[in-house]
Amino acid sequence: MKKVKVFILSFIFLITFLWTFPTKYLVSFILSSNGFLFSRIDGNFLNLKIEDLENKYVYVKNLSITNRLIYQEIKIKKNLKITYKPFVKNLFLEFNRFDTDMFVKDKNIVSAKLDGRLKVFKKGDFKILEGDGKVILRKISIANLNGLRLEYNIRKNKDYSEIEAKLRGININGEFKGKIVWEDKFNIDGTFTGRFLGQTVNRNINEKFEIKFLNGLL
């Protein structure tokens, strides 16, 4: 009985400590050691707000982090929300008039506006995508795709995702239909029909990419 009381008291102390402990000092150390500058950090273990966050490539204002047992959430104003649920290994991204010009310093690398949602979840050895939305790609280092407007719709189907996308731009106008199989690598396979660089095309596309930044999350 005594051990139970000690455990309960220890548990209450731990929860209270985590609730009130100001993690801003720890976060400040981590960010500064990774080349970030910031103006003010406030909060505790469960809620954290960063007014300005800056490094060589990005500048972010009004960033908030919510840390709970069943989910973690990152918000940039009302324009971007990233939610992660570790127990079910689900990752949600919601874009609401999210403009990369808000935080990317070099507009020549990428300049885009996003609306929509994207969900990534684990199913066995596969990662499945779902979502729909729009992307206006004003600028990217690949010059042929400047001014691209993309509308996408992604649905799950067994161990893969089906994708339909409409592409409109200066040098491209057409539709892509295919599937995404994401196991060890991200594999997109399908057909693009339409016009590209003034030519009518009906082309099969099969590309593989390695995406490492989600390793350990999904």
N, C-alpha and C. Protein backbone atom coordinates (compact mmCIF):
# COMPACT_ATOMS: atom_id res chain seq x y z
N MET A 1 0.83 -1.21 0.00
CA MET A 1 0.00 0.00 0.00
C MET A 1 0.87 1.26 0.00
N LYS A 2 1.97 1.18 0.77
CA LYS A 2 2.88 2.31 0.84
C LYS A 2 3.51 2.60 -0.52
N LYS A 3 3.85 1.51 -1.24
CA LYS A 3 4.45 1.67 -2.57
C LYS A 3 3.47 2.33 -3.54
N VAL A 4 2.18 1.98 -3.40
CA VAL A 4 1.15 2.57 -4.26
C VAL A 4 1.06 4.07 -4.01
N LYS A 5 1.07 4.47 -2.72
CA LYS A 5 1.00 5.89 -2.38
C LYS A 5 2.21 6.64 -2.92
N VAL A 6 3.38 6.03 -2.78
CA VAL A 6 4.61 6.66 -3.29
C VAL A 6 4.52 6.83 -4.80
N PHE A 7 4.00 5.80 -5.48
CA PHE A 7 3.85 5.86 -6.94
C PHE A 7 2.89 6.97 -7.34
N ILE A 8 1.75 7.07 -6.64
CA ILE A 8 0.74 8.09 -6.97
C ILE A 8 1.31 9.49 -6.75
N LEU A 9 2.00 9.69 -5.61
CA LEU A 9 2.59 11.00 -5.33
C LEU A 9 3.66 11.35 -6.36
N SER A 10 4.47 10.36 -6.73
CA SER A 10 5.51 10.59 -7.73
C SER A 10 4.90 10.94 -9.07
N PHE A 11 3.80 10.25 -9.41
CA PHE A 11 3.13 10.49 -10.69
C PHE A 11 2.55 11.91 -10.73
N ILE A 12 1.91 12.32 -9.61
CA ILE A 12 1.35 13.67 -9.52
C ILE A 12 2.45 14.72 -9.64
N PHE A 13 3.56 14.47 -8.96
CA PHE A 13 4.69 15.40 -9.03
C PHE A 13 5.22 15.51 -10.46
N LEU A 14 5.34 14.38 -11.13
CA LEU A 14 5.86 14.37 -12.50
C LEU A 14 4.96 15.15 -13.44
N ILE A 15 3.64 14.91 -13.34
CA ILE A 15 2.69 15.62 -14.19
C ILE A 15 2.75 17.12 -13.93
N THR A 16 2.79 17.50 -12.64
CA THR A 16 2.87 18.92 -12.28
C THR A 16 4.15 19.54 -12.81
N PHE A 17 5.24 18.79 -12.71
CA PHE A 17 6.54 19.28 -13.18
C PHE A 17 6.52 19.51 -14.68
N LEU A 18 5.99 18.53 -15.41
CA LEU A 18 5.95 18.65 -16.87
C LEU A 18 5.02 19.78 -17.30
N TRP A 19 3.96 19.99 -16.53
CA TRP A 19 2.98 21.03 -16.88
C TRP A 19 3.58 22.42 -16.70
N THR A 20 4.40 22.60 -15.66
CA THR A 20 4.88 23.94 -15.32
C THR A 20 6.31 24.19 -15.77
N PHE A 21 7.05 23.15 -16.12
CA PHE A 21 8.47 23.32 -16.46
C PHE A 21 8.62 24.18 -17.72
N PRO A 22 9.35 25.30 -17.64
CA PRO A 22 9.51 26.17 -18.81
C PRO A 22 10.52 25.57 -19.79
N THR A 23 10.03 24.99 -20.84
CA THR A 23 10.93 24.35 -21.81
C THR A 23 11.59 25.36 -22.73
N LYS A 24 11.27 26.65 -22.56
CA LYS A 24 11.83 27.65 -23.48
C LYS A 24 13.36 27.66 -23.42
N TYR A 25 13.95 27.36 -22.26
CA TYR A 25 15.41 27.36 -22.16
C TYR A 25 16.01 26.20 -22.93
N LEU A 26 15.38 25.04 -22.80
CA LEU A 26 15.85 23.87 -23.54
C LEU A 26 15.68 24.07 -25.03
N VAL A 27 14.50 24.57 -25.43
CA VAL A 27 14.24 24.81 -26.85
C VAL A 27 15.18 25.87 -27.39
N SER A 28 15.43 26.91 -26.61
CA SER A 28 16.36 27.95 -27.03
C SER A 28 17.73 27.37 -27.32
N PHE A 29 18.18 26.49 -26.45
CA PHE A 29 19.49 25.87 -26.63
C PHE A 29 19.52 25.02 -27.89
N ILE A 30 18.47 24.21 -28.10
CA ILE A 30 18.42 23.34 -29.28
C ILE A 30 18.39 24.16 -30.56
N LEU A 31 17.57 25.20 -30.60
CA LEU A 31 17.45 26.02 -31.80
C LEU A 31 18.74 26.79 -32.09
N SER A 32 19.31 27.38 -31.04
CA SER A 32 20.52 28.17 -31.25
C SER A 32 21.68 27.30 -31.70
N SER A 33 21.73 26.06 -31.21
CA SER A 33 22.81 25.16 -31.61
C SER A 33 22.63 24.64 -33.03
N ASN A 34 21.43 24.86 -33.61
CA ASN A 34 21.18 24.46 -34.99
C ASN A 34 21.07 25.66 -35.93
N GLY A 35 21.62 26.78 -35.51
CA GLY A 35 21.70 27.94 -36.39
C GLY A 35 20.47 28.80 -36.45
N PHE A 36 19.55 28.67 -35.49
CA PHE A 36 18.34 29.49 -35.48
C PHE A 36 18.50 30.69 -34.54
N LEU A 37 17.89 31.79 -34.92
CA LEU A 37 17.77 32.96 -34.05
C LEU A 37 16.29 33.14 -33.73
N PHE A 38 15.97 33.78 -32.62
CA PHE A 38 14.57 33.96 -32.25
C PHE A 38 14.45 35.18 -31.36
N SER A 39 13.24 35.77 -31.31
CA SER A 39 13.05 36.97 -30.50
C SER A 39 12.50 36.64 -29.12
N ARG A 40 11.52 35.75 -29.05
CA ARG A 40 10.94 35.44 -27.73
C ARG A 40 10.31 34.06 -27.76
N ILE A 41 10.60 33.27 -26.75
CA ILE A 41 10.02 31.94 -26.61
C ILE A 41 9.34 31.86 -25.25
N ASP A 42 8.11 31.41 -25.23
CA ASP A 42 7.35 31.28 -23.99
C ASP A 42 6.64 29.94 -23.96
N GLY A 43 6.40 29.44 -22.74
CA GLY A 43 5.60 28.23 -22.63
C GLY A 43 6.18 27.20 -21.70
N ASN A 44 5.55 26.03 -21.72
CA ASN A 44 5.98 24.92 -20.89
C ASN A 44 6.03 23.66 -21.73
N PHE A 45 6.05 22.53 -21.07
CA PHE A 45 6.20 21.26 -21.78
C PHE A 45 5.05 20.99 -22.73
N LEU A 46 3.85 21.46 -22.39
CA LEU A 46 2.67 21.12 -23.18
C LEU A 46 2.31 22.17 -24.22
N ASN A 47 2.69 23.41 -23.98
CA ASN A 47 2.37 24.48 -24.94
C ASN A 47 3.56 25.42 -25.06
N LEU A 48 3.90 25.75 -26.28
CA LEU A 48 5.06 26.59 -26.53
C LEU A 48 4.75 27.57 -27.65
N LYS A 49 5.14 28.83 -27.47
CA LYS A 49 4.94 29.84 -28.51
C LYS A 49 6.27 30.51 -28.83
N ILE A 50 6.54 30.65 -30.11
CA ILE A 50 7.75 31.32 -30.58
C ILE A 50 7.30 32.46 -31.49
N GLU A 51 7.61 33.70 -31.10
CA GLU A 51 7.15 34.84 -31.90
C GLU A 51 7.88 34.93 -33.23
N ASP A 52 9.20 34.87 -33.20
CA ASP A 52 9.99 34.97 -34.43
C ASP A 52 11.07 33.90 -34.41
N LEU A 53 11.19 33.20 -35.51
CA LEU A 53 12.18 32.13 -35.64
C LEU A 53 12.88 32.31 -36.98
N GLU A 54 14.20 32.39 -36.95
CA GLU A 54 14.91 32.75 -38.18
C GLU A 54 16.21 31.97 -38.30
N ASN A 55 16.50 31.51 -39.52
CA ASN A 55 17.83 31.01 -39.84
C ASN A 55 18.20 31.47 -41.24
N LYS A 56 19.18 30.84 -41.84
CA LYS A 56 19.68 31.28 -43.14
C LYS A 56 18.62 31.20 -44.23
N TYR A 57 17.72 30.22 -44.13
CA TYR A 57 16.79 29.95 -45.22
C TYR A 57 15.35 30.38 -44.93
N VAL A 58 14.94 30.36 -43.66
CA VAL A 58 13.54 30.61 -43.35
C VAL A 58 13.38 31.69 -42.28
N TYR A 59 12.19 32.27 -42.26
CA TYR A 59 11.81 33.24 -41.24
C TYR A 59 10.34 33.01 -40.92
N VAL A 60 10.03 32.62 -39.70
CA VAL A 60 8.68 32.25 -39.31
C VAL A 60 8.21 33.14 -38.17
N LYS A 61 6.98 33.64 -38.29
CA LYS A 61 6.39 34.44 -37.21
C LYS A 61 5.19 33.68 -36.63
N ASN A 62 5.01 33.83 -35.32
CA ASN A 62 3.86 33.27 -34.62
C ASN A 62 3.74 31.76 -34.79
N LEU A 63 4.74 31.06 -34.32
CA LEU A 63 4.76 29.60 -34.34
C LEU A 63 4.33 29.09 -32.97
N SER A 64 3.38 28.15 -32.94
CA SER A 64 2.96 27.57 -31.66
C SER A 64 3.04 26.05 -31.74
N ILE A 65 3.45 25.45 -30.63
CA ILE A 65 3.61 23.99 -30.55
C ILE A 65 2.79 23.48 -29.38
N THR A 66 1.94 22.48 -29.65
CA THR A 66 1.16 21.82 -28.60
C THR A 66 1.65 20.38 -28.48
N ASN A 67 1.99 19.99 -27.26
CA ASN A 67 2.56 18.66 -27.03
C ASN A 67 1.67 17.90 -26.05
N ARG A 68 0.95 16.91 -26.54
CA ARG A 68 0.09 16.08 -25.70
C ARG A 68 0.51 14.62 -25.85
N LEU A 69 -0.02 13.79 -24.96
CA LEU A 69 0.34 12.37 -25.01
C LEU A 69 -0.15 11.72 -26.29
N ILE A 70 -1.37 12.06 -26.73
CA ILE A 70 -1.96 11.38 -27.88
C ILE A 70 -1.76 12.14 -29.19
N TYR A 71 -1.28 13.39 -29.13
CA TYR A 71 -1.01 14.11 -30.37
C TYR A 71 -0.05 15.28 -30.12
N GLN A 72 0.66 15.65 -31.17
CA GLN A 72 1.47 16.85 -31.17
C GLN A 72 1.01 17.72 -32.34
N GLU A 73 1.06 19.04 -32.15
CA GLU A 73 0.53 19.94 -33.17
C GLU A 73 1.43 21.16 -33.31
N ILE A 74 1.69 21.53 -34.56
CA ILE A 74 2.46 22.74 -34.88
C ILE A 74 1.58 23.64 -35.72
N LYS A 75 1.50 24.92 -35.35
CA LYS A 75 0.70 25.88 -36.11
C LYS A 75 1.54 27.11 -36.46
N ILE A 76 1.36 27.59 -37.68
CA ILE A 76 1.89 28.89 -38.08
C ILE A 76 0.70 29.76 -38.42
N LYS A 77 0.37 30.66 -37.49
CA LYS A 77 -0.84 31.47 -37.59
C LYS A 77 -2.03 30.55 -37.88
N LYS A 78 -2.88 30.94 -38.85
CA LYS A 78 -4.00 30.09 -39.25
C LYS A 78 -3.75 29.46 -40.62
N ASN A 79 -2.50 29.57 -41.08
CA ASN A 79 -2.21 29.18 -42.45
C ASN A 79 -1.70 27.75 -42.60
N LEU A 80 -1.07 27.23 -41.56
CA LEU A 80 -0.52 25.88 -41.64
C LEU A 80 -0.70 25.18 -40.30
N LYS A 81 -1.20 23.95 -40.36
CA LYS A 81 -1.33 23.14 -39.15
C LYS A 81 -0.81 21.74 -39.45
N ILE A 82 0.11 21.28 -38.63
CA ILE A 82 0.67 19.93 -38.75
C ILE A 82 0.34 19.18 -37.47
N THR A 83 -0.37 18.07 -37.60
CA THR A 83 -0.77 17.27 -36.44
C THR A 83 -0.22 15.86 -36.59
N TYR A 84 0.39 15.37 -35.51
CA TYR A 84 0.96 14.02 -35.52
C TYR A 84 0.39 13.23 -34.35
N LYS A 85 -0.11 12.02 -34.64
CA LYS A 85 -0.64 11.13 -33.61
C LYS A 85 0.26 9.90 -33.53
N PRO A 86 1.11 9.85 -32.50
CA PRO A 86 2.14 8.80 -32.45
C PRO A 86 1.62 7.39 -32.26
N PHE A 87 0.50 7.23 -31.53
CA PHE A 87 0.02 5.87 -31.25
C PHE A 87 -0.54 5.19 -32.50
N VAL A 88 -1.18 5.96 -33.36
CA VAL A 88 -1.72 5.39 -34.60
C VAL A 88 -0.84 5.74 -35.80
N LYS A 89 0.22 6.50 -35.55
CA LYS A 89 1.19 6.90 -36.59
C LYS A 89 0.49 7.56 -37.77
N ASN A 90 -0.25 8.62 -37.47
CA ASN A 90 -0.92 9.43 -38.49
C ASN A 90 -0.31 10.82 -38.51
N LEU A 91 -0.11 11.36 -39.71
CA LEU A 91 0.39 12.70 -39.87
C LEU A 91 -0.57 13.49 -40.75
N PHE A 92 -1.06 14.63 -40.25
CA PHE A 92 -2.01 15.46 -40.99
C PHE A 92 -1.37 16.81 -41.29
N LEU A 93 -1.55 17.28 -42.52
CA LEU A 93 -1.13 18.62 -42.91
C LEU A 93 -2.32 19.36 -43.48
N GLU A 94 -2.58 20.55 -42.94
CA GLU A 94 -3.69 21.37 -43.43
C GLU A 94 -3.15 22.74 -43.84
N PHE A 95 -3.41 23.10 -45.10
CA PHE A 95 -2.95 24.37 -45.65
C PHE A 95 -4.16 25.29 -45.87
N ASN A 96 -4.08 26.50 -45.34
CA ASN A 96 -5.15 27.48 -45.51
C ASN A 96 -4.54 28.78 -46.04
N ARG A 97 -4.56 28.92 -47.37
CA ARG A 97 -3.91 30.07 -48.01
C ARG A 97 -2.48 30.21 -47.52
N PHE A 98 -1.79 29.10 -47.45
CA PHE A 98 -0.41 29.08 -46.96
C PHE A 98 0.53 29.53 -48.08
N ASP A 99 1.25 30.59 -47.84
CA ASP A 99 2.13 31.19 -48.83
C ASP A 99 3.58 31.00 -48.38
N THR A 100 4.38 30.32 -49.19
CA THR A 100 5.78 30.09 -48.81
C THR A 100 6.57 31.39 -48.70
N ASP A 101 6.08 32.45 -49.36
CA ASP A 101 6.77 33.74 -49.25
C ASP A 101 6.76 34.27 -47.82
N MET A 102 5.87 33.72 -46.98
CA MET A 102 5.81 34.14 -45.58
C MET A 102 7.07 33.76 -44.83
N PHE A 103 7.75 32.69 -45.27
CA PHE A 103 8.89 32.25 -44.46
C PHE A 103 10.12 31.81 -45.25
N VAL A 104 10.01 31.58 -46.56
CA VAL A 104 11.20 31.22 -47.33
C VAL A 104 11.91 32.49 -47.76
N LYS A 105 13.18 32.63 -47.39
CA LYS A 105 13.91 33.86 -47.68
C LYS A 105 14.25 33.99 -49.16
N ASP A 106 14.70 32.91 -49.78
CA ASP A 106 15.11 32.95 -51.18
C ASP A 106 13.94 32.54 -52.06
N LYS A 107 13.26 33.52 -52.65
CA LYS A 107 12.08 33.25 -53.48
C LYS A 107 12.45 32.56 -54.79
N ASN A 108 13.75 32.56 -55.15
CA ASN A 108 14.17 31.90 -56.38
C ASN A 108 14.20 30.38 -56.24
N ILE A 109 14.28 29.89 -55.00
CA ILE A 109 14.26 28.44 -54.78
C ILE A 109 12.84 27.92 -54.97
N VAL A 110 11.90 28.54 -54.26
CA VAL A 110 10.50 28.16 -54.40
C VAL A 110 9.62 29.32 -53.94
N SER A 111 8.53 29.52 -54.66
CA SER A 111 7.50 30.48 -54.26
C SER A 111 6.16 29.88 -54.64
N ALA A 112 5.35 29.54 -53.64
CA ALA A 112 4.11 28.82 -53.91
C ALA A 112 3.04 29.19 -52.90
N LYS A 113 1.80 28.92 -53.28
CA LYS A 113 0.65 29.11 -52.40
C LYS A 113 -0.13 27.80 -52.36
N LEU A 114 -0.52 27.35 -51.16
CA LEU A 114 -1.15 26.05 -51.00
C LEU A 114 -2.47 26.16 -50.24
N ASP A 115 -3.44 25.40 -50.70
CA ASP A 115 -4.72 25.22 -50.01
C ASP A 115 -5.06 23.74 -50.05
N GLY A 116 -5.54 23.20 -48.93
CA GLY A 116 -5.96 21.80 -48.96
C GLY A 116 -5.49 21.03 -47.75
N ARG A 117 -5.51 19.73 -47.90
CA ARG A 117 -5.14 18.85 -46.78
C ARG A 117 -4.43 17.62 -47.31
N LEU A 118 -3.62 17.04 -46.45
CA LEU A 118 -2.90 15.83 -46.80
C LEU A 118 -2.73 14.98 -45.55
N LYS A 119 -3.03 13.71 -45.67
CA LYS A 119 -2.90 12.78 -44.54
C LYS A 119 -1.95 11.65 -44.95
N VAL A 120 -1.02 11.32 -44.06
CA VAL A 120 -0.11 10.20 -44.28
C VAL A 120 -0.26 9.26 -43.10
N PHE A 121 -0.52 7.99 -43.39
CA PHE A 121 -0.65 7.02 -42.29
C PHE A 121 -0.02 5.69 -42.69
N LYS A 122 0.25 4.89 -41.68
CA LYS A 122 0.95 3.62 -41.87
C LYS A 122 -0.06 2.49 -41.99
N LYS A 123 0.19 1.59 -42.96
CA LYS A 123 -0.61 0.38 -43.10
C LYS A 123 0.34 -0.76 -43.42
N GLY A 124 0.65 -1.55 -42.40
CA GLY A 124 1.64 -2.61 -42.58
C GLY A 124 3.00 -2.01 -42.89
N ASP A 125 3.60 -2.43 -43.99
CA ASP A 125 4.89 -1.90 -44.41
C ASP A 125 4.76 -0.68 -45.33
N PHE A 126 3.52 -0.26 -45.57
CA PHE A 126 3.28 0.81 -46.54
C PHE A 126 2.83 2.10 -45.85
N LYS A 127 3.16 3.21 -46.48
CA LYS A 127 2.64 4.52 -46.07
C LYS A 127 1.60 4.93 -47.10
N ILE A 128 0.43 5.33 -46.63
CA ILE A 128 -0.69 5.66 -47.51
C ILE A 128 -0.95 7.16 -47.45
N LEU A 129 -1.25 7.74 -48.60
CA LEU A 129 -1.58 9.16 -48.70
C LEU A 129 -3.06 9.35 -49.01
N GLU A 130 -3.65 10.39 -48.43
CA GLU A 130 -5.01 10.81 -48.75
C GLU A 130 -5.06 12.33 -48.71
N GLY A 131 -5.93 12.91 -49.55
CA GLY A 131 -6.11 14.35 -49.46
C GLY A 131 -6.50 14.98 -50.77
N ASP A 132 -6.76 16.27 -50.71
CA ASP A 132 -7.09 17.04 -51.91
C ASP A 132 -6.71 18.49 -51.67
N GLY A 133 -6.49 19.21 -52.76
CA GLY A 133 -6.13 20.60 -52.61
C GLY A 133 -5.62 21.23 -53.88
N LYS A 134 -5.10 22.44 -53.72
CA LYS A 134 -4.60 23.22 -54.86
C LYS A 134 -3.23 23.80 -54.51
N VAL A 135 -2.38 23.88 -55.53
CA VAL A 135 -1.06 24.48 -55.39
C VAL A 135 -0.85 25.45 -56.55
N ILE A 136 -0.45 26.67 -56.23
CA ILE A 136 -0.03 27.63 -57.25
C ILE A 136 1.48 27.77 -57.11
N LEU A 137 2.21 27.30 -58.11
CA LEU A 137 3.67 27.30 -58.07
C LEU A 137 4.17 28.50 -58.88
N ARG A 138 4.40 29.60 -58.18
CA ARG A 138 4.82 30.82 -58.88
C ARG A 138 6.25 30.72 -59.38
N LYS A 139 7.10 30.07 -58.59
CA LYS A 139 8.52 30.02 -58.94
C LYS A 139 9.13 28.77 -58.35
N ILE A 140 9.97 28.11 -59.14
CA ILE A 140 10.76 26.98 -58.66
C ILE A 140 12.03 26.94 -59.49
N SER A 141 13.06 26.31 -58.95
CA SER A 141 14.34 26.29 -59.64
C SER A 141 14.25 25.59 -61.00
N ILE A 142 13.23 24.72 -61.18
CA ILE A 142 12.98 24.11 -62.49
C ILE A 142 12.13 25.10 -63.29
N ALA A 143 12.75 25.85 -64.18
CA ALA A 143 12.09 26.99 -64.82
C ALA A 143 10.88 26.58 -65.64
N ASN A 144 10.88 25.38 -66.21
CA ASN A 144 9.77 24.96 -67.07
C ASN A 144 8.44 24.85 -66.33
N LEU A 145 8.48 24.79 -65.00
CA LEU A 145 7.26 24.63 -64.23
C LEU A 145 6.81 25.93 -63.56
N ASN A 146 7.46 27.03 -63.85
CA ASN A 146 7.04 28.31 -63.27
C ASN A 146 5.60 28.64 -63.68
N GLY A 147 4.82 29.15 -62.73
CA GLY A 147 3.44 29.52 -63.02
C GLY A 147 2.49 28.34 -63.07
N LEU A 148 2.89 27.20 -62.54
CA LEU A 148 2.06 25.99 -62.57
C LEU A 148 0.92 26.08 -61.55
N ARG A 149 -0.27 25.68 -61.99
CA ARG A 149 -1.41 25.51 -61.09
C ARG A 149 -1.77 24.04 -61.06
N LEU A 150 -1.80 23.48 -59.86
CA LEU A 150 -2.02 22.05 -59.69
C LEU A 150 -3.21 21.81 -58.78
N GLU A 151 -4.14 20.98 -59.23
CA GLU A 151 -5.24 20.51 -58.39
C GLU A 151 -5.09 19.00 -58.24
N TYR A 152 -5.08 18.52 -56.99
CA TYR A 152 -4.85 17.09 -56.78
C TYR A 152 -5.96 16.46 -55.93
N ASN A 153 -6.18 15.18 -56.16
CA ASN A 153 -7.12 14.38 -55.38
C ASN A 153 -6.48 13.02 -55.18
N ILE A 154 -6.23 12.65 -53.94
CA ILE A 154 -5.54 11.40 -53.62
C ILE A 154 -6.44 10.56 -52.72
N ARG A 155 -6.66 9.29 -53.12
CA ARG A 155 -7.52 8.39 -52.36
C ARG A 155 -6.77 7.09 -52.08
N LYS A 156 -7.06 6.49 -50.93
CA LYS A 156 -6.41 5.22 -50.60
C LYS A 156 -7.10 4.08 -51.34
N ASN A 157 -6.32 3.05 -51.67
CA ASN A 157 -6.83 1.84 -52.31
C ASN A 157 -5.93 0.69 -51.90
N LYS A 158 -6.36 -0.08 -50.93
CA LYS A 158 -5.57 -1.20 -50.40
C LYS A 158 -4.24 -0.68 -49.85
N ASP A 159 -3.12 -1.13 -50.44
CA ASP A 159 -1.80 -0.76 -49.94
C ASP A 159 -1.16 0.38 -50.73
N TYR A 160 -1.96 1.11 -51.48
CA TYR A 160 -1.41 2.22 -52.25
C TYR A 160 -2.44 3.34 -52.34
N SER A 161 -2.05 4.42 -52.98
CA SER A 161 -2.94 5.57 -53.15
C SER A 161 -3.16 5.84 -54.63
N GLU A 162 -4.39 6.15 -54.99
CA GLU A 162 -4.70 6.57 -56.36
C GLU A 162 -4.66 8.10 -56.41
N ILE A 163 -4.08 8.63 -57.48
CA ILE A 163 -3.96 10.08 -57.60
C ILE A 163 -4.47 10.56 -58.95
N GLU A 164 -5.22 11.65 -58.89
CA GLU A 164 -5.63 12.36 -60.10
C GLU A 164 -5.23 13.82 -59.91
N ALA A 165 -4.60 14.39 -60.93
CA ALA A 165 -4.12 15.76 -60.82
C ALA A 165 -4.30 16.50 -62.14
N LYS A 166 -4.73 17.75 -62.04
CA LYS A 166 -4.82 18.62 -63.21
C LYS A 166 -3.70 19.64 -63.11
N LEU A 167 -2.97 19.81 -64.20
CA LEU A 167 -1.84 20.72 -64.24
C LEU A 167 -2.07 21.78 -65.31
N ARG A 168 -1.96 23.04 -64.91
CA ARG A 168 -2.14 24.15 -65.84
C ARG A 168 -0.99 25.13 -65.65
N GLY A 169 -0.36 25.53 -66.75
CA GLY A 169 0.73 26.48 -66.64
C GLY A 169 1.15 27.01 -67.99
N ILE A 170 2.24 27.79 -67.99
CA ILE A 170 2.72 28.41 -69.22
C ILE A 170 3.15 27.34 -70.22
N ASN A 171 3.87 26.33 -69.74
CA ASN A 171 4.43 25.32 -70.62
C ASN A 171 3.77 23.95 -70.48
N ILE A 172 2.70 23.87 -69.68
CA ILE A 172 2.10 22.56 -69.44
C ILE A 172 0.59 22.71 -69.26
N ASN A 173 -0.15 21.75 -69.80
CA ASN A 173 -1.61 21.75 -69.66
C ASN A 173 -2.09 20.32 -69.87
N GLY A 174 -2.55 19.68 -68.80
CA GLY A 174 -2.99 18.30 -68.95
C GLY A 174 -3.40 17.67 -67.64
N GLU A 175 -3.53 16.35 -67.66
CA GLU A 175 -3.96 15.59 -66.49
C GLU A 175 -3.01 14.42 -66.25
N PHE A 176 -2.84 14.12 -64.97
CA PHE A 176 -2.06 12.95 -64.59
C PHE A 176 -2.95 12.02 -63.78
N LYS A 177 -2.94 10.74 -64.14
CA LYS A 177 -3.66 9.72 -63.38
C LYS A 177 -2.71 8.56 -63.11
N GLY A 178 -2.71 8.11 -61.87
CA GLY A 178 -1.81 7.02 -61.54
C GLY A 178 -1.95 6.58 -60.10
N LYS A 179 -0.88 6.01 -59.58
CA LYS A 179 -0.91 5.52 -58.21
C LYS A 179 0.42 5.82 -57.53
N ILE A 180 0.36 5.86 -56.21
CA ILE A 180 1.54 6.07 -55.39
C ILE A 180 1.71 4.84 -54.50
N VAL A 181 2.84 4.17 -54.64
CA VAL A 181 3.18 3.04 -53.77
C VAL A 181 4.38 3.48 -52.94
N TRP A 182 4.19 3.53 -51.63
CA TRP A 182 5.22 4.07 -50.74
C TRP A 182 5.58 3.00 -49.71
N GLU A 183 6.63 2.27 -50.02
CA GLU A 183 7.13 1.27 -49.07
C GLU A 183 8.51 1.74 -48.60
N ASP A 184 9.58 1.12 -49.09
CA ASP A 184 10.91 1.63 -48.77
C ASP A 184 11.15 2.98 -49.46
N LYS A 185 10.66 3.09 -50.70
CA LYS A 185 10.80 4.32 -51.46
C LYS A 185 9.43 4.81 -51.91
N PHE A 186 9.37 6.08 -52.23
CA PHE A 186 8.15 6.72 -52.72
C PHE A 186 8.12 6.53 -54.23
N ASN A 187 7.17 5.72 -54.72
CA ASN A 187 7.08 5.40 -56.14
C ASN A 187 5.77 5.94 -56.72
N ILE A 188 5.89 6.83 -57.71
CA ILE A 188 4.71 7.36 -58.39
C ILE A 188 4.71 6.84 -59.83
N ASP A 189 3.59 6.23 -60.21
CA ASP A 189 3.49 5.55 -61.50
C ASP A 189 2.16 5.90 -62.14
N GLY A 190 2.19 6.43 -63.37
CA GLY A 190 0.95 6.79 -64.03
C GLY A 190 1.19 7.37 -65.41
N THR A 191 0.16 8.06 -65.92
CA THR A 191 0.21 8.60 -67.28
C THR A 191 -0.19 10.06 -67.29
N PHE A 192 0.61 10.87 -67.98
CA PHE A 192 0.27 12.27 -68.20
C PHE A 192 -0.20 12.44 -69.63
N THR A 193 -1.37 13.05 -69.79
CA THR A 193 -1.90 13.34 -71.13
C THR A 193 -2.20 14.83 -71.22
N GLY A 194 -1.78 15.44 -72.33
CA GLY A 194 -2.01 16.87 -72.51
C GLY A 194 -0.93 17.48 -73.37
N ARG A 195 -0.57 18.72 -73.04
CA ARG A 195 0.45 19.43 -73.79
C ARG A 195 1.59 19.83 -72.86
N PHE A 196 2.82 19.69 -73.37
CA PHE A 196 4.01 20.06 -72.62
C PHE A 196 5.02 20.67 -73.58
N LEU A 197 5.42 21.92 -73.30
CA LEU A 197 6.35 22.66 -74.15
C LEU A 197 5.87 22.72 -75.60
N GLY A 198 4.55 22.91 -75.76
CA GLY A 198 3.98 23.06 -77.09
C GLY A 198 3.73 21.77 -77.84
N GLN A 199 4.03 20.63 -77.22
CA GLN A 199 3.85 19.34 -77.87
C GLN A 199 2.73 18.55 -77.19
N THR A 200 1.92 17.85 -78.01
CA THR A 200 0.91 16.95 -77.45
C THR A 200 1.60 15.67 -76.99
N VAL A 201 1.36 15.28 -75.75
CA VAL A 201 2.06 14.12 -75.20
C VAL A 201 1.06 13.18 -74.52
N ASN A 202 1.41 11.91 -74.52
CA ASN A 202 0.72 10.87 -73.76
C ASN A 202 1.84 9.99 -73.21
N ARG A 203 2.28 10.33 -72.02
CA ARG A 203 3.54 9.78 -71.54
C ARG A 203 3.37 9.04 -70.22
N ASN A 204 3.98 7.86 -70.16
CA ASN A 204 4.03 7.10 -68.91
C ASN A 204 5.13 7.68 -68.02
N ILE A 205 4.80 7.82 -66.75
CA ILE A 205 5.76 8.36 -65.78
C ILE A 205 5.91 7.35 -64.65
N ASN A 206 7.14 6.98 -64.37
CA ASN A 206 7.43 6.06 -63.27
C ASN A 206 8.70 6.55 -62.58
N GLU A 207 8.52 7.16 -61.42
CA GLU A 207 9.65 7.75 -60.71
C GLU A 207 9.69 7.25 -59.27
N LYS A 208 10.91 7.09 -58.75
CA LYS A 208 11.10 6.68 -57.36
C LYS A 208 11.93 7.72 -56.63
N PHE A 209 11.51 8.01 -55.40
CA PHE A 209 12.22 8.96 -54.56
C PHE A 209 12.45 8.34 -53.19
N GLU A 210 13.48 8.82 -52.53
CA GLU A 210 13.74 8.40 -51.15
C GLU A 210 13.40 9.56 -50.23
N ILE A 211 12.46 9.35 -49.33
CA ILE A 211 12.03 10.40 -48.40
C ILE A 211 12.43 9.96 -46.99
N LYS A 212 13.44 10.61 -46.45
CA LYS A 212 14.01 10.16 -45.18
C LYS A 212 13.47 10.91 -43.97
N PHE A 213 12.91 12.12 -44.19
CA PHE A 213 12.58 12.95 -43.03
C PHE A 213 11.42 12.40 -42.21
N LEU A 214 10.66 11.43 -42.76
CA LEU A 214 9.57 10.83 -41.99
C LEU A 214 9.98 9.54 -41.28
N ASN A 215 11.23 9.13 -41.49
CA ASN A 215 11.71 7.92 -40.82
C ASN A 215 11.61 8.08 -39.30
N GLY A 216 11.03 7.08 -38.65
CA GLY A 216 10.84 7.14 -37.20
C GLY A 216 9.48 7.67 -36.80
N LEU A 217 8.86 8.50 -37.66
CA LEU A 217 7.51 8.99 -37.38
C LEU A 217 6.47 8.01 -37.87
N LEU A 218 6.68 7.47 -39.08
CA LEU A 218 5.70 6.58 -39.71
C LEU A 218 6.34 5.23 -40.02
